[in-house]
Every structure is written in structure tokens, then in C-alpha cells.
PDB file of N, CA and C in Angstrom:
ATOM      1  N   UNK A   1      54.743-204.695 -94.679  1.00  0.00           N
ATOM      2  CA  UNK A   1      55.047-202.845 -95.196  1.00  0.00           C
ATOM      3  C   UNK A   1      55.963-203.211 -96.151  1.00  0.00           C
ATOM      4  N   UNK A   2      56.578-202.327 -97.134  1.00  0.00           N
ATOM      5  CA  UNK A   2      57.411-202.174 -97.796  1.00  0.00           C
ATOM      6  C   UNK A   2      58.590-201.414 -97.191  1.00  0.00           C
ATOM      7  N   UNK A   3      59.800-201.820 -97.660  1.00  0.00           N
ATOM      8  CA  UNK A   3      60.996-201.184 -97.017  1.00  0.00           C
ATOM      9  C   UNK A   3      60.619-199.384 -97.972  1.00  0.00           C
ATOM     10  N   UNK A   4      61.486-198.765 -97.261  1.00  0.00           N
ATOM     11  CA  UNK A   4      61.621-197.366 -97.161  1.00  0.00           C
ATOM     12  C   UNK A   4      62.762-197.183 -97.934  1.00  0.00           C
ATOM     13  N   UNK A   5      62.843-195.987 -99.305  1.00  0.00           N
ATOM     14  CA  UNK A   5      63.887-195.742 -99.108  1.00  0.00           C
ATOM     15  C   UNK A   5      64.731-194.576 -98.696  1.00  0.00           C
ATOM     16  N   UNK A   6      65.935-194.775 -98.473  1.00  0.00           N
ATOM     17  CA  UNK A   6      66.632-193.665 -97.126  1.00  0.00           C
ATOM     18  C   UNK A   6      66.271-192.648 -98.175  1.00  0.00           C
ATOM     19  N   UNK A   7      66.699-191.421 -97.484  1.00  0.00           N
ATOM     20  CA  UNK A   7      66.775-190.013 -97.618  1.00  0.00           C
ATOM     21  C   UNK A   7      68.415-189.950 -98.374  1.00  0.00           C
ATOM     22  N   UNK A   8      68.022-189.366 -99.584  1.00  0.00           N
ATOM     23  CA  UNK A   8      69.543-189.129-100.170  1.00  0.00           C
ATOM     24  C   UNK A   8      69.694-187.419-100.377  1.00  0.00           C
ATOM     25  N   UNK A   9      70.782-186.887-100.509  1.00  0.00           N
ATOM     26  CA  UNK A   9      70.808-185.336-100.424  1.00  0.00           C
ATOM     27  C   UNK A   9      70.756-185.155-101.577  1.00  0.00           C
ATOM     28  N   UNK A  10      70.899-186.009-102.919  1.00  0.00           N
ATOM     29  CA  UNK A  10      70.364-185.517-104.591  1.00  0.00           C
ATOM     30  C   UNK A  10      71.788-184.631-104.445  1.00  0.00           C
ATOM     31  N   UNK A  11      71.325-183.280-105.321  1.00  0.00           N
ATOM     32  CA  UNK A  11      71.793-182.206-105.748  1.00  0.00           C
ATOM     33  C   UNK A  11      72.716-181.433-105.295  1.00  0.00           C
ATOM     34  N   UNK A  12      72.058-181.931-103.444  1.00  0.00           N
ATOM     35  CA  UNK A  12      72.964-180.932-102.649  1.00  0.00           C
ATOM     36  C   UNK A  12      74.089-181.450-101.566  1.00  0.00           C
ATOM     37  N   UNK A  13      74.805-182.993-102.492  1.00  0.00           N
ATOM     38  CA  UNK A  13      75.911-183.868-101.732  1.00  0.00           C
ATOM     39  C   UNK A  13      76.631-182.752-101.135  1.00  0.00           C
ATOM     40  N   UNK A  14      77.640-182.081-101.511  1.00  0.00           N
ATOM     41  CA  UNK A  14      78.537-181.066-101.065  1.00  0.00           C
ATOM     42  C   UNK A  14      78.041-179.869 -99.986  1.00  0.00           C
ATOM     43  N   UNK A  15      77.157-179.798-100.014  1.00  0.00           N
ATOM     44  CA  UNK A  15      75.955-179.195 -98.637  1.00  0.00           C
ATOM     45  C   UNK A  15      76.120-180.370 -97.700  1.00  0.00           C
ATOM     46  N   UNK A  16      75.054-181.106 -97.591  1.00  0.00           N
ATOM     47  CA  UNK A  16      75.206-182.026 -96.930  1.00  0.00           C
ATOM     48  C   UNK A  16      76.343-182.649 -96.161  1.00  0.00           C
ATOM     49  N   UNK A  17      77.609-182.783 -96.887  1.00  0.00           N
ATOM     50  CA  UNK A  17      78.788-183.000 -96.589  1.00  0.00           C
ATOM     51  C   UNK A  17      79.613-182.114 -95.446  1.00  0.00           C
ATOM     52  N   UNK A  18      79.244-180.873 -96.196  1.00  0.00           N
ATOM     53  CA  UNK A  18      79.812-179.651 -95.343  1.00  0.00           C
ATOM     54  C   UNK A  18      78.842-179.400 -93.795  1.00  0.00           C
ATOM     55  N   UNK A  19      77.388-179.789 -93.747  1.00  0.00           N
ATOM     56  CA  UNK A  19      76.915-179.583 -92.430  1.00  0.00           C
ATOM     57  C   UNK A  19      77.236-180.955 -91.724  1.00  0.00           C
ATOM     58  N   UNK A  20      77.540-182.154 -92.560  1.00  0.00           N
ATOM     59  CA  UNK A  20      77.487-182.935 -91.197  1.00  0.00           C
ATOM     60  C   UNK A  20      79.449-183.257 -90.853  1.00  0.00           C
ATOM     61  N   UNK A  21      79.909-182.595 -91.218  1.00  0.00           N
ATOM     62  CA  UNK A  21      81.319-182.349 -90.813  1.00  0.00           C
ATOM     63  C   UNK A  21      81.516-181.187 -90.055  1.00  0.00           C
ATOM     64  N   UNK A  22      80.428-180.105 -89.913  1.00  0.00           N
ATOM     65  CA  UNK A  22      80.212-179.026 -89.090  1.00  0.00           C
ATOM     66  C   UNK A  22      79.840-179.730 -87.897  1.00  0.00           C
ATOM     67  N   UNK A  23      78.756-180.586 -88.009  1.00  0.00           N
ATOM     68  CA  UNK A  23      78.108-180.843 -86.806  1.00  0.00           C
ATOM     69  C   UNK A  23      79.402-182.139 -86.366  1.00  0.00           C
ATOM     70  N   UNK A  24      79.899-182.598 -87.021  1.00  0.00           N
ATOM     71  CA  UNK A  24      80.700-183.796 -86.182  1.00  0.00           C
ATOM     72  C   UNK A  24      81.361-182.757 -84.952  1.00  0.00           C
ATOM     73  N   UNK A  25      82.192-181.578 -85.650  1.00  0.00           N
ATOM     74  CA  UNK A  25      83.428-180.864 -84.921  1.00  0.00           C
ATOM     75  C   UNK A  25      82.491-180.175 -84.006  1.00  0.00           C
ATOM     76  N   UNK A  26      81.240-179.831 -83.628  1.00  0.00           N
ATOM     77  CA  UNK A  26      81.020-179.125 -83.189  1.00  0.00           C
ATOM     78  C   UNK A  26      80.136-180.182 -82.119  1.00  0.00           C
ATOM     79  N   UNK A  27      80.130-181.537 -82.458  1.00  0.00           N
ATOM     80  CA  UNK A  27      79.742-182.043 -81.243  1.00  0.00           C
ATOM     81  C   UNK A  27      80.664-182.684 -80.662  1.00  0.00           C
ATOM     82  N   UNK A  28      81.775-182.972 -80.828  1.00  0.00           N
ATOM     83  CA  UNK A  28      82.926-183.506 -80.575  1.00  0.00           C
ATOM     84  C   UNK A  28      83.540-182.354 -79.875  1.00  0.00           C
ATOM     85  N   UNK A  29      83.353-180.939 -80.053  1.00  0.00           N
ATOM     86  CA  UNK A  29      83.709-180.029 -78.977  1.00  0.00           C
ATOM     87  C   UNK A  29      83.429-179.833 -77.742  1.00  0.00           C
ATOM     88  N   UNK A  30      81.683-180.036 -78.317  1.00  0.00           N
ATOM     89  CA  UNK A  30      80.703-180.001 -76.992  1.00  0.00           C
ATOM     90  C   UNK A  30      80.731-181.253 -76.077  1.00  0.00           C
ATOM     91  N   UNK A  31      80.930-181.999 -76.509  1.00  0.00           N
ATOM     92  CA  UNK A  31      80.982-183.406 -75.957  1.00  0.00           C
ATOM     93  C   UNK A  31      82.649-183.412 -75.548  1.00  0.00           C
ATOM     94  N   UNK A  32      82.909-182.298 -75.225  1.00  0.00           N
ATOM     95  CA  UNK A  32      84.389-182.582 -74.461  1.00  0.00           C
ATOM     96  C   UNK A  32      84.273-181.114 -73.550  1.00  0.00           C
ATOM     97  N   UNK A  33      83.812-180.626 -73.818  1.00  0.00           N
ATOM     98  CA  UNK A  33      83.960-179.358 -73.025  1.00  0.00           C
ATOM     99  C   UNK A  33      82.522-179.246 -71.447  1.00  0.00           C
ATOM    100  N   UNK A  34      81.539-179.957 -72.514  1.00  0.00           N
ATOM    101  CA  UNK A  34      80.721-179.753 -71.442  1.00  0.00           C
ATOM    102  C   UNK A  34      80.507-180.683 -70.480  1.00  0.00           C
ATOM    103  N   UNK A  35      81.192-182.169 -70.574  1.00  0.00           N
ATOM    104  CA  UNK A  35      81.512-183.141 -69.253  1.00  0.00           C
ATOM    105  C   UNK A  35      82.655-182.121 -68.546  1.00  0.00           C
ATOM    106  N   UNK A  36      83.921-181.667 -69.131  1.00  0.00           N
ATOM    107  CA  UNK A  36      85.005-180.755 -68.308  1.00  0.00           C
ATOM    108  C   UNK A  36      84.263-179.905 -67.453  1.00  0.00           C
ATOM    109  N   UNK A  37      83.020-179.583 -67.986  1.00  0.00           N
ATOM    110  CA  UNK A  37      82.586-178.020 -67.174  1.00  0.00           C
ATOM    111  C   UNK A  37      82.014-178.807 -65.667  1.00  0.00           C
ATOM    112  N   UNK A  38      81.225-179.637 -65.789  1.00  0.00           N
ATOM    113  CA  UNK A  38      80.571-180.710 -64.851  1.00  0.00           C
ATOM    114  C   UNK A  38      81.717-181.228 -63.677  1.00  0.00           C
ATOM    115  N   UNK A  39      82.680-181.406 -64.252  1.00  0.00           N
ATOM    116  CA  UNK A  39      83.713-182.330 -63.830  1.00  0.00           C
ATOM    117  C   UNK A  39      84.454-180.827 -62.712  1.00  0.00           C
ATOM    118  N   UNK A  40      84.566-179.814 -63.150  1.00  0.00           N
ATOM    119  CA  UNK A  40      85.048-178.713 -62.374  1.00  0.00           C
ATOM    120  C   UNK A  40      84.121-178.255 -61.497  1.00  0.00           C
ATOM    121  N   UNK A  41      82.739-178.164 -61.495  1.00  0.00           N
ATOM    122  CA  UNK A  41      82.011-177.542 -60.690  1.00  0.00           C
ATOM    123  C   UNK A  41      81.567-179.047 -59.674  1.00  0.00           C
ATOM    124  N   UNK A  42      81.392-180.601 -59.936  1.00  0.00           N
ATOM    125  CA  UNK A  42      80.891-181.406 -58.690  1.00  0.00           C
ATOM    126  C   UNK A  42      81.506-182.435 -59.086  1.00  0.00           C
ATOM    127  N   UNK A  43      82.659-182.754 -59.942  1.00  0.00           N
ATOM    128  CA  UNK A  43      83.987-183.614 -59.642  1.00  0.00           C
ATOM    129  C   UNK A  43      83.225-185.167 -60.690  1.00  0.00           C
ATOM    130  N   UNK A  44      84.056-186.036 -60.213  1.00  0.00           N
ATOM    131  CA  UNK A  44      83.541-187.378 -60.733  1.00  0.00           C
ATOM    132  C   UNK A  44      82.044-187.627 -61.205  1.00  0.00           C
ATOM    133  N   UNK A  45      81.663-187.642 -59.857  1.00  0.00           N
ATOM    134  CA  UNK A  45      80.235-188.103 -60.161  1.00  0.00           C
ATOM    135  C   UNK A  45      79.447-187.490 -61.012  1.00  0.00           C
ATOM    136  N   UNK A  46      79.260-186.151 -60.996  1.00  0.00           N
ATOM    137  CA  UNK A  46      78.661-185.316 -61.972  1.00  0.00           C
ATOM    138  C   UNK A  46      78.659-185.272 -63.382  1.00  0.00           C
ATOM    139  N   UNK A  47      80.315-185.302 -63.477  1.00  0.00           N
ATOM    140  CA  UNK A  47      80.563-186.096 -64.805  1.00  0.00           C
ATOM    141  C   UNK A  47      79.761-187.473 -65.545  1.00  0.00           C
ATOM    142  N   UNK A  48      80.368-188.186 -64.670  1.00  0.00           N
ATOM    143  CA  UNK A  48      79.717-189.645 -64.916  1.00  0.00           C
ATOM    144  C   UNK A  48      77.546-189.395 -65.274  1.00  0.00           C
ATOM    145  N   UNK A  49      77.540-188.682 -64.420  1.00  0.00           N
ATOM    146  CA  UNK A  49      76.155-188.385 -64.418  1.00  0.00           C
ATOM    147  C   UNK A  49      75.448-187.765 -65.694  1.00  0.00           C
ATOM    148  N   UNK A  50      76.334-186.846 -66.115  1.00  0.00           N
ATOM    149  CA  UNK A  50      76.100-186.215 -67.352  1.00  0.00           C
ATOM    150  C   UNK A  50      75.921-187.150 -68.435  1.00  0.00           C
ATOM    151  N   UNK A  51      77.539-187.824 -68.748  1.00  0.00           N
ATOM    152  CA  UNK A  51      77.545-188.725 -69.449  1.00  0.00           C
ATOM    153  C   UNK A  51      76.351-189.762 -69.716  1.00  0.00           C
ATOM    154  N   UNK A  52      75.578-190.336 -68.305  1.00  0.00           N
ATOM    155  CA  UNK A  52      75.012-191.874 -68.505  1.00  0.00           C
ATOM    156  C   UNK A  52      73.703-190.803 -68.810  1.00  0.00           C
ATOM    157  N   UNK A  53      73.082-189.414 -68.348  1.00  0.00           N
ATOM    158  CA  UNK A  53      72.079-188.817 -69.348  1.00  0.00           C
ATOM    159  C   UNK A  53      71.764-188.688 -70.491  1.00  0.00           C
ATOM    160  N   UNK A  54      72.866-188.163 -70.942  1.00  0.00           N
ATOM    161  CA  UNK A  54      73.670-188.046 -72.462  1.00  0.00           C
ATOM    162  C   UNK A  54      72.671-189.515 -73.267  1.00  0.00           C
ATOM    163  N   UNK A  55      73.410-190.631 -72.499  1.00  0.00           N
ATOM    164  CA  UNK A  55      73.259-191.697 -73.382  1.00  0.00           C
ATOM    165  C   UNK A  55      71.823-192.116 -73.114  1.00  0.00           C
ATOM    166  N   UNK A  56      71.165-192.147 -72.044  1.00  0.00           N
ATOM    167  CA  UNK A  56      69.621-192.124 -71.873  1.00  0.00           C
ATOM    168  C   UNK A  56      68.716-191.552 -73.170  1.00  0.00           C
ATOM    169  N   UNK A  57      69.121-190.002 -73.064  1.00  0.00           N
ATOM    170  CA  UNK A  57      68.348-189.616 -73.760  1.00  0.00           C
ATOM    171  C   UNK A  57      68.612-189.941 -75.246  1.00  0.00           C
ATOM    172  N   UNK A  58      69.811-190.103 -75.358  1.00  0.00           N
ATOM    173  CA  UNK A  58      70.020-190.914 -77.209  1.00  0.00           C
ATOM    174  C   UNK A  58      69.450-191.812 -77.360  1.00  0.00           C
ATOM    175  N   UNK A  59      69.225-192.820 -76.355  1.00  0.00           N
ATOM    176  CA  UNK A  59      68.580-194.210 -76.272  1.00  0.00           C
ATOM    177  C   UNK A  59      66.965-194.263 -76.560  1.00  0.00           C
ATOM    178  N   UNK A  60      66.434-192.930 -75.780  1.00  0.00           N
ATOM    179  CA  UNK A  60      64.930-192.925 -76.055  1.00  0.00           C
ATOM    180  C   UNK A  60      64.492-191.901 -77.261  1.00  0.00           C
ATOM    181  N   UNK A  61      65.651-191.057 -77.597  1.00  0.00           N
ATOM    182  CA  UNK A  61      65.259-190.504 -79.202  1.00  0.00           C
ATOM    183  C   UNK A  61      65.244-191.889 -80.278  1.00  0.00           C
ATOM    184  N   UNK A  62      66.295-192.727 -80.395  1.00  0.00           N
ATOM    185  CA  UNK A  62      66.321-193.693 -81.071  1.00  0.00           C
ATOM    186  C   UNK A  62      65.044-194.124 -80.694  1.00  0.00           C
ATOM    187  N   UNK A  63      64.560-194.895 -79.905  1.00  0.00           N
ATOM    188  CA  UNK A  63      63.054-196.018 -79.522  1.00  0.00           C
ATOM    189  C   UNK A  63      62.279-195.281 -79.946  1.00  0.00           C
ATOM    190  N   UNK A  64      62.341-193.881 -79.655  1.00  0.00           N
ATOM    191  CA  UNK A  64      60.852-193.293 -80.265  1.00  0.00           C
ATOM    192  C   UNK A  64      60.959-193.322 -81.737  1.00  0.00           C
ATOM    193  N   UNK A  65      61.662-193.166 -82.416  1.00  0.00           N
ATOM    194  CA  UNK A  65      61.755-192.676 -83.797  1.00  0.00           C
ATOM    195  C   UNK A  65      61.990-194.208 -84.451  1.00  0.00           C
ATOM    196  N   UNK A  66      62.456-195.329 -83.781  1.00  0.00           N
ATOM    197  CA  UNK A  66      62.891-196.245 -84.507  1.00  0.00           C
ATOM    198  C   UNK A  66      61.683-196.862 -85.628  1.00  0.00           C
ATOM    199  N   UNK A  67      61.886-196.950 -86.480  1.00  0.00           N
ATOM    200  CA  UNK A  67      60.805-197.840 -87.719  1.00  0.00           C
ATOM    201  C   UNK A  67      60.961-199.428 -88.136  1.00  0.00           C
TER     202      UNK A  67
END
């Protein structure tokens, strides 16, 4: 199989950079708020379970889409 070329932004580089930065900060905010909500409701076990669930979901997405 031949190597695939990576997808590039082309003429929309500034839009791609803005989208990346926006999603970076949104993800960071949600990544700190949501585990905190779990912690306030069910304590450390719930917070740890949530973080592990997100890691397993991420691993599954990578595994299913790896080429």
C-alpha cells in the first residue's frame, strides 16, 4: 500500500489554526469542569471512573480509525 498524503489546510490555514485553538481551550475547560462535577457528586471513585472511561473511549476511537 502506498503512503497517504496528510490532509492539509491549504488556503484556510488561519481558519484551521483558529479552530484548533478554540477546540484546545474548550477541551481544556471541559476536561477540568466535568471531572470536578463527578467529584462533587460521587467523590474520587466517580472522578477516577470518569477519567478512565474517557481514556478507554479515546483508545477505542484510535484503534478503530488507525490506518
